[in-house]
Amino acid sequence: MRFLTLLALIPAALTLPTQSLDFADYALTPRADPSLTGYLGVFFLGDKPSVYFYLSNGNNANSLTALNKGQPVINPTKGTRGVRDPSIIEGGGAEKGKKWYIIGTDLDIAKTTWDASQRTGSRGIFVWESTDLITWNKERLVTVEDATAGMVWAPSSIYDTAKGEYLVYWASKFYPTSDPNHTGTPSSIRIRYAYTKDFQSFSPPKDYINKSPTNIIDLEFLSLGNNAYARFMKDETAKNVFTEISTTGLFGTWSRPGGANAVISTGVEGPAVYWDNQVAGKAHLLLDFYGSDGYRPYESTDVKSGKWTASDRSAWPKNLRHGSVLPVTAGQVDALKKKWGS
């Protein structure tokens, strides 16, 4: 298998002060967790805008089986009645082990067009919550952007332990107030963020990424320990996914390992990243080859270097689209099987 290298987001003229990529002082080899015995994946399929659950076969991150006989576990009833890009979020702080959330994009592309969905699309985030990963309720569609935004796409979240709240982020385009019908030329797509404690009320949104290259969507984070992170995102213009590393926090200085033009892969979107349950320091990355067979799995034992290899796909389902994966315990696996079967 060949290694795929990744590169820097900021052109030389805009490069921020260089941070050290000597990771000796960072806990970048997370310990395998014997309490985690499987993986729960949440996805949409093809252009079917509902939430489908998949469970790993044993503790194999590259082998998944559909739950609920391949039927959706969540069908949205609000907004467009379609949800894409579902992201499952483990509770943090006092909610850890007690609460989980699924959030997603309010969009059924069969009812609109890609142009219209970026001009007058939903400005809200779908939210469901659960206390056991089995029952999902309290569906809501929370508006997070004002009327100048054309859409809110691919929301996801990470718990910010320093702040004690969830950092929620998404992609939006904006139109001037003089163009209330959004008929003119919009801004480039930018990554926005807000904080929330409960996924009901959100702080006023701000820009998180609004610099070259512009048109960035589908952001995801992987915590590397000791305030270090990897982040993965799609360049919507170049149609590729790349990564950056920060050793100074979520709002720190980000650098691309490997140089200014390397990417993980082209013609992909929707990166989903998570640690392996059994092998310390091993991570998994899903990339959505949206023009063909959906997600394909990759893996790395050296995330900080940006080196990834394609994983075995012999037991990997086709047509899984932009979603996320949550490592789960034996008790959770048993409960999911009992409730949703296969």
C-alpha atoms as a PDB file:
ATOM      1  CA  MET A   1       0.000   0.000   0.000  1.00  0.00           C
ATOM      2  CA  ARG A   2       1.242   3.469  -0.723  1.00  0.00           C
ATOM      3  CA  PHE A   3       1.480   6.287   1.774  1.00  0.00           C
ATOM      4  CA  LEU A   4      -0.617   9.397   1.134  1.00  0.00           C
ATOM      5  CA  THR A   5       0.827  12.626   2.453  1.00  0.00           C
ATOM      6  CA  LEU A   6      -0.936  15.745   3.579  1.00  0.00           C
ATOM      7  CA  LEU A   7      -0.143  19.437   3.457  1.00  0.00           C
ATOM      8  CA  ALA A   8      -0.418  22.953   4.669  1.00  0.00           C
ATOM      9  CA  LEU A   9      -3.495  25.159   4.482  1.00  0.00           C
ATOM     10  CA  ILE A  10      -1.889  28.594   4.626  1.00  0.00           C
ATOM     11  CA  PRO A  11       0.115  29.982   1.701  1.00  0.00           C
ATOM     12  CA  ALA A  12       3.609  31.279   2.442  1.00  0.00           C
ATOM     13  CA  ALA A  13       2.537  34.916   2.390  1.00  0.00           C
ATOM     14  CA  LEU A  14       0.016  34.261   5.140  1.00  0.00           C
ATOM     15  CA  THR A  15       1.946  31.721   7.201  1.00  0.00           C
ATOM     16  CA  LEU A  16       1.539  32.163  10.943  1.00  0.00           C
ATOM     17  CA  PRO A  17       4.496  31.797  13.335  1.00  0.00           C
ATOM     18  CA  THR A  18       5.916  28.314  13.003  1.00  0.00           C
ATOM     19  CA  GLN A  19       5.013  25.875  15.744  1.00  0.00           C
ATOM     20  CA  SER A  20       7.168  22.954  16.695  1.00  0.00           C
ATOM     21  CA  LEU A  21       6.163  19.617  15.215  1.00  0.00           C
ATOM     22  CA  ASP A  22       8.385  17.817  17.702  1.00  0.00           C
ATOM     23  CA  PHE A  23       5.707  15.779  19.431  1.00  0.00           C
ATOM     24  CA  ALA A  24       7.910  14.322  22.143  1.00  0.00           C
ATOM     25  CA  ASP A  25       6.081  16.285  24.813  1.00  0.00           C
ATOM     26  CA  TYR A  26       2.596  15.345  23.588  1.00  0.00           C
ATOM     27  CA  ALA A  27       0.570  12.273  24.423  1.00  0.00           C
ATOM     28  CA  LEU A  28       0.122  11.264  20.791  1.00  0.00           C
ATOM     29  CA  THR A  29      -0.208   7.527  21.356  1.00  0.00           C
ATOM     30  CA  PRO A  30      -3.622   7.113  22.981  1.00  0.00           C
ATOM     31  CA  ARG A  31      -3.844   3.922  24.955  1.00  0.00           C
ATOM     32  CA  ALA A  32      -6.075   1.181  23.605  1.00  0.00           C
ATOM     33  CA  ASP A  33      -9.195   0.794  25.736  1.00  0.00           C
ATOM     34  CA  PRO A  34     -10.207  -2.802  26.599  1.00  0.00           C
ATOM     35  CA  SER A  35     -13.685  -1.608  27.632  1.00  0.00           C
ATOM     36  CA  LEU A  36     -14.425  -0.714  23.996  1.00  0.00           C
ATOM     37  CA  THR A  37     -15.418  -3.788  22.000  1.00  0.00           C
ATOM     38  CA  GLY A  38     -17.051  -2.407  18.868  1.00  0.00           C
ATOM     39  CA  TYR A  39     -17.896   0.572  16.672  1.00  0.00           C
ATOM     40  CA  LEU A  40     -21.258   2.203  15.973  1.00  0.00           C
ATOM     41  CA  GLY A  41     -21.463   4.043  12.672  1.00  0.00           C
ATOM     42  CA  VAL A  42     -24.179   6.529  11.696  1.00  0.00           C
ATOM     43  CA  PHE A  43     -24.515   7.458   8.024  1.00  0.00           C
ATOM     44  CA  PHE A  44     -26.914   8.420   5.298  1.00  0.00           C
ATOM     45  CA  LEU A  45     -27.025   6.134   2.249  1.00  0.00           C
ATOM     46  CA  GLY A  46     -26.672   7.285  -1.339  1.00  0.00           C
ATOM     47  CA  ASP A  47     -29.120  10.169  -1.475  1.00  0.00           C
ATOM     48  CA  LYS A  48     -31.453   8.678   1.162  1.00  0.00           C
ATOM     49  CA  PRO A  49     -31.584  11.509   3.737  1.00  0.00           C
ATOM     50  CA  SER A  50     -32.196   9.543   6.957  1.00  0.00           C
ATOM     51  CA  VAL A  51     -29.901   8.181   9.682  1.00  0.00           C
ATOM     52  CA  TYR A  52     -28.820   4.560   9.260  1.00  0.00           C
ATOM     53  CA  PHE A  53     -27.003   2.618  11.985  1.00  0.00           C
ATOM     54  CA  TYR A  54     -24.178   0.147  11.327  1.00  0.00           C
ATOM     55  CA  LEU A  55     -22.390  -1.988  13.916  1.00  0.00           C
ATOM     56  CA  SER A  56     -18.955  -3.528  13.576  1.00  0.00           C
ATOM     57  CA  ASN A  57     -18.530  -7.273  13.398  1.00  0.00           C
ATOM     58  CA  GLY A  58     -16.721  -7.821  16.639  1.00  0.00           C
ATOM     59  CA  ASN A  59     -14.001  -5.262  17.258  1.00  0.00           C
ATOM     60  CA  ASN A  60     -13.081  -4.958  13.580  1.00  0.00           C
ATOM     61  CA  ALA A  61     -13.192  -1.321  12.484  1.00  0.00           C
ATOM     62  CA  ASN A  62     -13.182  -2.382   8.817  1.00  0.00           C
ATOM     63  CA  SER A  63     -16.198  -4.705   8.957  1.00  0.00           C
ATOM     64  CA  LEU A  64     -19.696  -3.283   9.455  1.00  0.00           C
ATOM     65  CA  THR A  65     -23.219  -4.728   9.349  1.00  0.00           C
ATOM     66  CA  ALA A  66     -26.443  -2.750   8.952  1.00  0.00           C
ATOM     67  CA  LEU A  67     -28.771  -2.618  11.948  1.00  0.00           C
ATOM     68  CA  ASN A  68     -32.579  -2.464  11.834  1.00  0.00           C
ATOM     69  CA  LYS A  69     -32.606  -4.734   8.749  1.00  0.00           C
ATOM     70  CA  GLY A  70     -31.034  -1.950   6.734  1.00  0.00           C
ATOM     71  CA  GLN A  71     -33.857   0.501   7.444  1.00  0.00           C
ATOM     72  CA  PRO A  72     -33.367   3.984   8.944  1.00  0.00           C
ATOM     73  CA  VAL A  73     -33.212   4.345  12.718  1.00  0.00           C
ATOM     74  CA  ILE A  74     -34.020   8.081  12.529  1.00  0.00           C
ATOM     75  CA  ASN A  75     -36.368   9.711  10.014  1.00  0.00           C
ATOM     76  CA  PRO A  76     -36.545  13.500  10.448  1.00  0.00           C
ATOM     77  CA  THR A  77     -39.977  15.107  10.710  1.00  0.00           C
ATOM     78  CA  LYS A  78     -39.014  18.780  10.660  1.00  0.00           C
ATOM     79  CA  GLY A  79     -37.574  21.194   8.096  1.00  0.00           C
ATOM     80  CA  THR A  80     -36.967  19.505   4.743  1.00  0.00           C
ATOM     81  CA  ARG A  81     -37.619  16.122   6.404  1.00  0.00           C
ATOM     82  CA  GLY A  82     -34.237  15.036   5.176  1.00  0.00           C
ATOM     83  CA  VAL A  83     -30.961  14.780   7.093  1.00  0.00           C
ATOM     84  CA  ARG A  84     -27.469  14.402   5.653  1.00  0.00           C
ATOM     85  CA  ASP A  85     -24.017  14.260   7.256  1.00  0.00           C
ATOM     86  CA  PRO A  86     -25.114  12.787  10.622  1.00  0.00           C
ATOM     87  CA  SER A  87     -22.536  13.187  13.381  1.00  0.00           C
ATOM     88  CA  ILE A  88     -22.772  11.203  16.626  1.00  0.00           C
ATOM     89  CA  ILE A  89     -21.302  13.060  19.593  1.00  0.00           C
ATOM     90  CA  GLU A  90     -20.375  11.560  22.941  1.00  0.00           C
ATOM     91  CA  GLY A  91     -21.353  13.635  25.948  1.00  0.00           C
ATOM     92  CA  GLY A  92     -18.569  15.530  27.662  1.00  0.00           C
ATOM     93  CA  GLY A  93     -18.070  16.803  31.179  1.00  0.00           C
ATOM     94  CA  ALA A  94     -21.000  15.893  33.439  1.00  0.00           C
ATOM     95  CA  GLU A  95     -22.760  14.278  30.446  1.00  0.00           C
ATOM     96  CA  LYS A  96     -19.988  11.790  29.683  1.00  0.00           C
ATOM     97  CA  GLY A  97     -21.414   8.287  29.630  1.00  0.00           C
ATOM     98  CA  LYS A  98     -24.915   9.690  30.192  1.00  0.00           C
ATOM     99  CA  LYS A  99     -25.808  11.546  27.016  1.00  0.00           C
ATOM    100  CA  TRP A 100     -25.168  11.289  23.291  1.00  0.00           C
ATOM    101  CA  TYR A 101     -26.253  13.579  20.467  1.00  0.00           C
ATOM    102  CA  ILE A 102     -26.746  13.138  16.743  1.00  0.00           C
ATOM    103  CA  ILE A 103     -26.690  16.338  14.696  1.00  0.00           C
ATOM    104  CA  GLY A 104     -26.917  16.785  10.944  1.00  0.00           C
ATOM    105  CA  THR A 105     -27.654  18.888   7.872  1.00  0.00           C
ATOM    106  CA  ASP A 106     -31.287  19.762   7.150  1.00  0.00           C
ATOM    107  CA  LEU A 107     -31.325  18.908   3.437  1.00  0.00           C
ATOM    108  CA  ASP A 108     -33.219  16.631   1.071  1.00  0.00           C
ATOM    109  CA  ILE A 109     -31.553  17.301  -2.267  1.00  0.00           C
ATOM    110  CA  ALA A 110     -34.373  15.496  -4.111  1.00  0.00           C
ATOM    111  CA  LYS A 111     -36.638  18.422  -3.198  1.00  0.00           C
ATOM    112  CA  THR A 112     -34.291  21.177  -4.370  1.00  0.00           C
ATOM    113  CA  THR A 113     -31.082  21.834  -6.350  1.00  0.00           C
ATOM    114  CA  TRP A 114     -27.507  22.301  -5.249  1.00  0.00           C
ATOM    115  CA  ASP A 115     -27.618  25.956  -6.281  1.00  0.00           C
ATOM    116  CA  ALA A 116     -30.873  26.670  -4.443  1.00  0.00           C
ATOM    117  CA  SER A 117     -29.747  24.780  -1.347  1.00  0.00           C
ATOM    118  CA  GLN A 118     -26.741  27.107  -1.047  1.00  0.00           C
ATOM    119  CA  ARG A 119     -28.778  30.279  -1.604  1.00  0.00           C
ATOM    120  CA  THR A 120     -31.971  29.665   0.340  1.00  0.00           C
ATOM    121  CA  GLY A 121     -31.250  26.436   2.173  1.00  0.00           C
ATOM    122  CA  SER A 122     -31.813  25.610   5.820  1.00  0.00           C
ATOM    123  CA  ARG A 123     -29.996  27.735   8.398  1.00  0.00           C
ATOM    124  CA  GLY A 124     -30.649  25.211  11.147  1.00  0.00           C
ATOM    125  CA  ILE A 125     -29.004  22.139  12.635  1.00  0.00           C
ATOM    126  CA  PHE A 126     -30.944  18.927  13.232  1.00  0.00           C
ATOM    127  CA  VAL A 127     -30.497  17.554  16.779  1.00  0.00           C
ATOM    128  CA  TRP A 128     -31.551  14.301  18.448  1.00  0.00           C
ATOM    129  CA  GLU A 129     -30.409  13.077  21.844  1.00  0.00           C
ATOM    130  CA  SER A 130     -30.204   9.798  23.740  1.00  0.00           C
ATOM    131  CA  THR A 131     -29.283   8.521  27.177  1.00  0.00           C
ATOM    132  CA  ASP A 132     -28.585   4.951  26.016  1.00  0.00           C
ATOM    133  CA  LEU A 133     -27.751   5.005  22.262  1.00  0.00           C
ATOM    134  CA  ILE A 134     -31.034   3.119  21.721  1.00  0.00           C
ATOM    135  CA  THR A 135     -33.848   5.637  22.051  1.00  0.00           C
ATOM    136  CA  TRP A 136     -33.375   8.886  20.139  1.00  0.00           C
ATOM    137  CA  ASN A 137     -35.810  11.693  20.857  1.00  0.00           C
ATOM    138  CA  LYS A 138     -36.240  15.429  21.457  1.00  0.00           C
ATOM    139  CA  GLU A 139     -35.868  16.110  17.742  1.00  0.00           C
ATOM    140  CA  ARG A 140     -35.279  19.780  17.061  1.00  0.00           C
ATOM    141  CA  LEU A 141     -34.096  22.040  14.290  1.00  0.00           C
ATOM    142  CA  VAL A 142     -32.081  24.851  15.828  1.00  0.00           C
ATOM    143  CA  THR A 143     -31.403  27.961  13.724  1.00  0.00           C
ATOM    144  CA  VAL A 144     -27.781  29.030  14.177  1.00  0.00           C
ATOM    145  CA  GLU A 145     -27.234  31.599  11.380  1.00  0.00           C
ATOM    146  CA  ASP A 146     -29.053  34.826  10.490  1.00  0.00           C
ATOM    147  CA  ALA A 147     -30.823  35.669   7.233  1.00  0.00           C
ATOM    148  CA  THR A 148     -27.598  36.625   5.433  1.00  0.00           C
ATOM    149  CA  ALA A 149     -26.525  32.955   5.388  1.00  0.00           C
ATOM    150  CA  GLY A 150     -27.485  30.753   2.470  1.00  0.00           C
ATOM    151  CA  MET A 151     -27.135  27.419   4.240  1.00  0.00           C
ATOM    152  CA  VAL A 152     -25.688  25.484   7.189  1.00  0.00           C
ATOM    153  CA  TRP A 153     -23.917  22.303   6.090  1.00  0.00           C
ATOM    154  CA  ALA A 154     -22.204  19.337   7.746  1.00  0.00           C
ATOM    155  CA  PRO A 155     -22.438  20.370  11.411  1.00  0.00           C
ATOM    156  CA  SER A 156     -20.272  18.470  13.852  1.00  0.00           C
ATOM    157  CA  SER A 157     -18.915  18.982  17.350  1.00  0.00           C
ATOM    158  CA  ILE A 158     -16.132  18.278  19.813  1.00  0.00           C
ATOM    159  CA  TYR A 159     -16.257  18.781  23.563  1.00  0.00           C
ATOM    160  CA  ASP A 160     -13.889  21.580  24.559  1.00  0.00           C
ATOM    161  CA  THR A 161     -12.642  20.494  27.982  1.00  0.00           C
ATOM    162  CA  ALA A 162     -10.938  23.839  28.593  1.00  0.00           C
ATOM    163  CA  LYS A 163     -14.233  25.706  28.204  1.00  0.00           C
ATOM    164  CA  GLY A 164     -16.526  22.969  29.521  1.00  0.00           C
ATOM    165  CA  GLU A 165     -18.876  23.273  26.521  1.00  0.00           C
ATOM    166  CA  TYR A 166     -19.396  21.729  23.110  1.00  0.00           C
ATOM    167  CA  LEU A 167     -17.685  23.468  20.204  1.00  0.00           C
ATOM    168  CA  VAL A 168     -20.068  23.108  17.243  1.00  0.00           C
ATOM    169  CA  TYR A 169     -18.915  23.944  13.716  1.00  0.00           C
ATOM    170  CA  TRP A 170     -20.393  23.956  10.220  1.00  0.00           C
ATOM    171  CA  ALA A 171     -20.003  25.453   6.723  1.00  0.00           C
ATOM    172  CA  SER A 172     -21.983  28.474   5.429  1.00  0.00           C
ATOM    173  CA  LYS A 173     -22.070  30.954   2.553  1.00  0.00           C
ATOM    174  CA  PHE A 174     -23.210  34.548   3.062  1.00  0.00           C
ATOM    175  CA  TYR A 175     -24.948  37.242   1.017  1.00  0.00           C
ATOM    176  CA  PRO A 176     -24.952  41.007   1.580  1.00  0.00           C
ATOM    177  CA  THR A 177     -27.913  42.536   3.408  1.00  0.00           C
ATOM    178  CA  SER A 178     -28.665  44.410   0.174  1.00  0.00           C
ATOM    179  CA  ASP A 179     -29.448  41.025  -1.437  1.00  0.00           C
ATOM    180  CA  PRO A 180     -32.175  39.563   0.827  1.00  0.00           C
ATOM    181  CA  ASN A 181     -33.253  37.050  -1.821  1.00  0.00           C
ATOM    182  CA  HIS A 182     -29.690  35.791  -2.263  1.00  0.00           C
ATOM    183  CA  THR A 183     -29.701  36.150  -6.039  1.00  0.00           C
ATOM    184  CA  GLY A 184     -26.186  37.553  -6.391  1.00  0.00           C
ATOM    185  CA  THR A 185     -22.704  36.249  -5.795  1.00  0.00           C
ATOM    186  CA  PRO A 186     -22.181  34.847  -2.292  1.00  0.00           C
ATOM    187  CA  SER A 187     -19.078  34.808  -0.145  1.00  0.00           C
ATOM    188  CA  SER A 188     -16.860  31.762  -0.325  1.00  0.00           C
ATOM    189  CA  ILE A 189     -17.846  28.907   1.944  1.00  0.00           C
ATOM    190  CA  ARG A 190     -16.370  29.417   5.394  1.00  0.00           C
ATOM    191  CA  ILE A 191     -16.266  27.332   8.556  1.00  0.00           C
ATOM    192  CA  ARG A 192     -18.274  28.841  11.395  1.00  0.00           C
ATOM    193  CA  TYR A 193     -18.496  27.876  15.055  1.00  0.00           C
ATOM    194  CA  ALA A 194     -20.530  28.419  18.211  1.00  0.00           C
ATOM    195  CA  TYR A 195     -20.547  27.007  21.731  1.00  0.00           C
ATOM    196  CA  THR A 196     -23.402  25.209  23.446  1.00  0.00           C
ATOM    197  CA  LYS A 197     -24.008  23.345  26.688  1.00  0.00           C
ATOM    198  CA  ASP A 198     -27.143  21.524  25.579  1.00  0.00           C
ATOM    199  CA  PHE A 199     -27.525  21.752  21.769  1.00  0.00           C
ATOM    200  CA  GLN A 200     -30.555  23.955  22.363  1.00  0.00           C
ATOM    201  CA  SER A 201     -29.092  27.424  22.785  1.00  0.00           C
ATOM    202  CA  PHE A 202     -25.913  28.481  20.988  1.00  0.00           C
ATOM    203  CA  SER A 203     -23.543  31.394  21.349  1.00  0.00           C
ATOM    204  CA  PRO A 204     -23.462  33.913  18.460  1.00  0.00           C
ATOM    205  CA  PRO A 205     -21.563  32.240  15.606  1.00  0.00           C
ATOM    206  CA  LYS A 206     -18.116  33.376  14.510  1.00  0.00           C
ATOM    207  CA  ASP A 207     -15.686  32.503  11.737  1.00  0.00           C
ATOM    208  CA  TYR A 208     -13.367  29.597  12.474  1.00  0.00           C
ATOM    209  CA  ILE A 209     -11.752  29.186   9.030  1.00  0.00           C
ATOM    210  CA  ASN A 210     -12.085  32.044   6.531  1.00  0.00           C
ATOM    211  CA  LYS A 211      -8.766  32.223   4.700  1.00  0.00           C
ATOM    212  CA  SER A 212      -6.957  30.722   1.740  1.00  0.00           C
ATOM    213  CA  PRO A 213      -7.763  28.205   0.489  1.00  0.00           C
ATOM    214  CA  THR A 214     -11.349  29.386   0.671  1.00  0.00           C
ATOM    215  CA  ASN A 215     -14.401  27.172   0.216  1.00  0.00           C
ATOM    216  CA  ILE A 216     -13.599  24.834   3.101  1.00  0.00           C
ATOM    217  CA  ILE A 217     -16.287  22.383   4.286  1.00  0.00           C
ATOM    218  CA  ASP A 218     -16.609  19.110   6.224  1.00  0.00           C
ATOM    219  CA  LEU A 219     -14.362  19.830   9.208  1.00  0.00           C
ATOM    220  CA  GLU A 220     -13.554  17.099  11.747  1.00  0.00           C
ATOM    221  CA  PHE A 221     -11.154  16.917  14.709  1.00  0.00           C
ATOM    222  CA  LEU A 222      -9.176  14.129  16.348  1.00  0.00           C
ATOM    223  CA  SER A 223      -7.806  14.793  19.826  1.00  0.00           C
ATOM    224  CA  LEU A 224      -4.155  13.785  20.116  1.00  0.00           C
ATOM    225  CA  GLY A 225      -3.787  14.458  23.818  1.00  0.00           C
ATOM    226  CA  ASN A 226      -2.277  17.268  25.895  1.00  0.00           C
ATOM    227  CA  ASN A 227      -4.056  20.045  23.961  1.00  0.00           C
ATOM    228  CA  ALA A 228      -2.875  18.730  20.573  1.00  0.00           C
ATOM    229  CA  TYR A 229      -5.283  18.003  17.708  1.00  0.00           C
ATOM    230  CA  ALA A 230      -5.441  16.878  14.106  1.00  0.00           C
ATOM    231  CA  ARG A 231      -8.130  18.404  11.919  1.00  0.00           C
ATOM    232  CA  PHE A 232      -9.395  17.165   8.575  1.00  0.00           C
ATOM    233  CA  MET A 233     -11.376  19.161   5.997  1.00  0.00           C
ATOM    234  CA  LYS A 234     -12.381  19.365   2.357  1.00  0.00           C
ATOM    235  CA  ASP A 235     -11.259  22.009  -0.101  1.00  0.00           C
ATOM    236  CA  GLU A 236     -14.533  22.385  -1.997  1.00  0.00           C
ATOM    237  CA  THR A 237     -12.837  24.065  -4.964  1.00  0.00           C
ATOM    238  CA  ALA A 238     -10.057  21.503  -5.441  1.00  0.00           C
ATOM    239  CA  LYS A 239     -12.290  18.623  -4.281  1.00  0.00           C
ATOM    240  CA  ASN A 240      -9.717  17.113  -1.942  1.00  0.00           C
ATOM    241  CA  VAL A 241      -9.319  16.378   1.767  1.00  0.00           C
ATOM    242  CA  PHE A 242      -6.244  17.467   3.734  1.00  0.00           C
ATOM    243  CA  THR A 243      -5.156  17.659   7.366  1.00  0.00           C
ATOM    244  CA  GLU A 244      -3.425  20.012   9.777  1.00  0.00           C
ATOM    245  CA  ILE A 245      -1.899  19.592  13.225  1.00  0.00           C
ATOM    246  CA  SER A 246      -2.014  21.917  16.241  1.00  0.00           C
ATOM    247  CA  THR A 247      -0.060  21.398  19.450  1.00  0.00           C
ATOM    248  CA  THR A 248      -1.535  24.579  20.915  1.00  0.00           C
ATOM    249  CA  GLY A 249      -5.239  23.814  21.132  1.00  0.00           C
ATOM    250  CA  LEU A 250      -8.358  24.123  19.001  1.00  0.00           C
ATOM    251  CA  PHE A 251      -7.675  27.818  18.409  1.00  0.00           C
ATOM    252  CA  GLY A 252      -3.912  27.482  18.230  1.00  0.00           C
ATOM    253  CA  THR A 253      -1.468  27.557  15.325  1.00  0.00           C
ATOM    254  CA  TRP A 254      -2.098  24.905  12.680  1.00  0.00           C
ATOM    255  CA  SER A 255       0.565  23.373  10.401  1.00  0.00           C
ATOM    256  CA  ARG A 256       0.334  20.851   7.600  1.00  0.00           C
ATOM    257  CA  PRO A 257       2.775  17.969   7.791  1.00  0.00           C
ATOM    258  CA  GLY A 258       4.215  17.183   4.391  1.00  0.00           C
ATOM    259  CA  GLY A 259       4.210  20.507   2.562  1.00  0.00           C
ATOM    260  CA  ALA A 260       1.894  22.977   0.914  1.00  0.00           C
ATOM    261  CA  ASN A 261       0.240  20.911  -1.803  1.00  0.00           C
ATOM    262  CA  ALA A 262      -0.133  17.340  -0.553  1.00  0.00           C
ATOM    263  CA  VAL A 263      -3.593  15.885   0.092  1.00  0.00           C
ATOM    264  CA  ILE A 264      -4.955  12.638   1.441  1.00  0.00           C
ATOM    265  CA  SER A 265      -7.026  12.027  -1.668  1.00  0.00           C
ATOM    266  CA  THR A 266      -8.879  13.895  -4.411  1.00  0.00           C
ATOM    267  CA  GLY A 267     -12.521  13.520  -5.385  1.00  0.00           C
ATOM    268  CA  VAL A 268     -13.527  12.916  -1.762  1.00  0.00           C
ATOM    269  CA  GLU A 269     -15.396  14.634   1.066  1.00  0.00           C
ATOM    270  CA  GLY A 270     -16.889  14.030   4.509  1.00  0.00           C
ATOM    271  CA  PRO A 271     -13.829  12.874   6.509  1.00  0.00           C
ATOM    272  CA  ALA A 272     -14.715  10.873   9.625  1.00  0.00           C
ATOM    273  CA  VAL A 273     -11.861  10.030  12.007  1.00  0.00           C
ATOM    274  CA  TYR A 274     -11.608   7.941  15.198  1.00  0.00           C
ATOM    275  CA  TRP A 275      -9.110   5.940  17.261  1.00  0.00           C
ATOM    276  CA  ASP A 276      -8.767   2.169  17.147  1.00  0.00           C
ATOM    277  CA  ASN A 277     -10.082   0.309  20.184  1.00  0.00           C
ATOM    278  CA  GLN A 278      -7.298  -2.260  20.361  1.00  0.00           C
ATOM    279  CA  VAL A 279      -4.070  -0.867  18.901  1.00  0.00           C
ATOM    280  CA  ALA A 280      -2.589   2.102  20.728  1.00  0.00           C
ATOM    281  CA  GLY A 281      -1.811   5.002  18.422  1.00  0.00           C
ATOM    282  CA  LYS A 282      -3.752   3.594  15.463  1.00  0.00           C
ATOM    283  CA  ALA A 283      -6.477   5.746  13.925  1.00  0.00           C
ATOM    284  CA  HIS A 284      -9.112   5.233  11.245  1.00  0.00           C
ATOM    285  CA  LEU A 285     -10.225   7.745   8.627  1.00  0.00           C
ATOM    286  CA  LEU A 286     -13.242   7.416   6.328  1.00  0.00           C
ATOM    287  CA  LEU A 287     -13.328   9.360   3.056  1.00  0.00           C
ATOM    288  CA  ASP A 288     -16.537   9.710   1.049  1.00  0.00           C
ATOM    289  CA  PHE A 289     -15.947   8.972  -2.649  1.00  0.00           C
ATOM    290  CA  TYR A 290     -19.318  10.498  -3.375  1.00  0.00           C
ATOM    291  CA  GLY A 291     -19.135   9.922  -7.127  1.00  0.00           C
ATOM    292  CA  SER A 292     -18.769   6.146  -6.800  1.00  0.00           C
ATOM    293  CA  ASP A 293     -19.278   3.804  -3.865  1.00  0.00           C
ATOM    294  CA  GLY A 294     -19.329   6.122  -0.844  1.00  0.00           C
ATOM    295  CA  TYR A 295     -16.997   5.764   2.128  1.00  0.00           C
ATOM    296  CA  ARG A 296     -13.685   3.965   1.900  1.00  0.00           C
ATOM    297  CA  PRO A 297     -11.595   3.294   5.044  1.00  0.00           C
ATOM    298  CA  TYR A 298      -7.996   4.401   5.668  1.00  0.00           C
ATOM    299  CA  GLU A 299      -5.718   3.937   8.664  1.00  0.00           C
ATOM    300  CA  SER A 300      -2.589   5.380  10.239  1.00  0.00           C
ATOM    301  CA  THR A 301      -0.284   4.596  13.134  1.00  0.00           C
ATOM    302  CA  ASP A 302       1.371   8.012  12.867  1.00  0.00           C
ATOM    303  CA  VAL A 303      -1.358  10.640  12.609  1.00  0.00           C
ATOM    304  CA  LYS A 304       1.008  13.522  13.323  1.00  0.00           C
ATOM    305  CA  SER A 305       3.056  12.666  10.211  1.00  0.00           C
ATOM    306  CA  GLY A 306       0.044  12.757   7.909  1.00  0.00           C
ATOM    307  CA  LYS A 307       0.715   9.276   6.521  1.00  0.00           C
ATOM    308  CA  TRP A 308      -2.371   7.169   5.745  1.00  0.00           C
ATOM    309  CA  THR A 309      -2.872   3.895   3.901  1.00  0.00           C
ATOM    310  CA  ALA A 310      -5.993   2.346   2.381  1.00  0.00           C
ATOM    311  CA  SER A 311      -7.570  -0.303   4.623  1.00  0.00           C
ATOM    312  CA  ASP A 312      -8.980  -3.695   3.687  1.00  0.00           C
ATOM    313  CA  ARG A 313     -12.437  -3.155   2.149  1.00  0.00           C
ATOM    314  CA  SER A 314     -13.441  -6.796   1.685  1.00  0.00           C
ATOM    315  CA  ALA A 315     -16.031  -6.557   4.507  1.00  0.00           C
ATOM    316  CA  TRP A 316     -16.846  -2.873   4.061  1.00  0.00           C
ATOM    317  CA  PRO A 317     -20.397  -1.929   2.940  1.00  0.00           C
ATOM    318  CA  LYS A 318     -20.971   0.209  -0.148  1.00  0.00           C
ATOM    319  CA  ASN A 319     -22.967   3.444  -0.393  1.00  0.00           C
ATOM    320  CA  LEU A 320     -22.240   4.663   3.159  1.00  0.00           C
ATOM    321  CA  ARG A 321     -22.209   8.437   2.910  1.00  0.00           C
ATOM    322  CA  HIS A 322     -20.843  11.251   5.111  1.00  0.00           C
ATOM    323  CA  GLY A 323     -21.384  10.273   8.745  1.00  0.00           C
ATOM    324  CA  SER A 324     -19.369   9.380  11.839  1.00  0.00           C
ATOM    325  CA  VAL A 325     -18.257   6.478  14.034  1.00  0.00           C
ATOM    326  CA  LEU A 326     -18.388   6.020  17.814  1.00  0.00           C
ATOM    327  CA  PRO A 327     -16.420   3.332  19.690  1.00  0.00           C
ATOM    328  CA  VAL A 328     -18.786   1.420  22.016  1.00  0.00           C
ATOM    329  CA  THR A 329     -18.636  -0.946  24.985  1.00  0.00           C
ATOM    330  CA  ALA A 330     -19.765  -4.572  25.179  1.00  0.00           C
ATOM    331  CA  GLY A 331     -22.917  -3.550  27.042  1.00  0.00           C
ATOM    332  CA  GLN A 332     -23.757  -0.982  24.398  1.00  0.00           C
ATOM    333  CA  VAL A 333     -23.121  -3.510  21.623  1.00  0.00           C
ATOM    334  CA  ASP A 334     -25.499  -5.985  23.271  1.00  0.00           C
ATOM    335  CA  ALA A 335     -28.182  -3.322  23.733  1.00  0.00           C
ATOM    336  CA  LEU A 336     -27.899  -2.157  20.118  1.00  0.00           C
ATOM    337  CA  LYS A 337     -28.188  -5.723  18.831  1.00  0.00           C
ATOM    338  CA  LYS A 338     -31.164  -6.443  21.085  1.00  0.00           C
ATOM    339  CA  LYS A 339     -33.002  -3.308  19.994  1.00  0.00           C
ATOM    340  CA  TRP A 340     -32.166  -3.055  16.320  1.00  0.00           C
ATOM    341  CA  GLY A 341     -30.987  -6.512  15.329  1.00  0.00           C
ATOM    342  CA  SER A 342     -29.260  -6.900  11.987  1.00  0.00           C
END
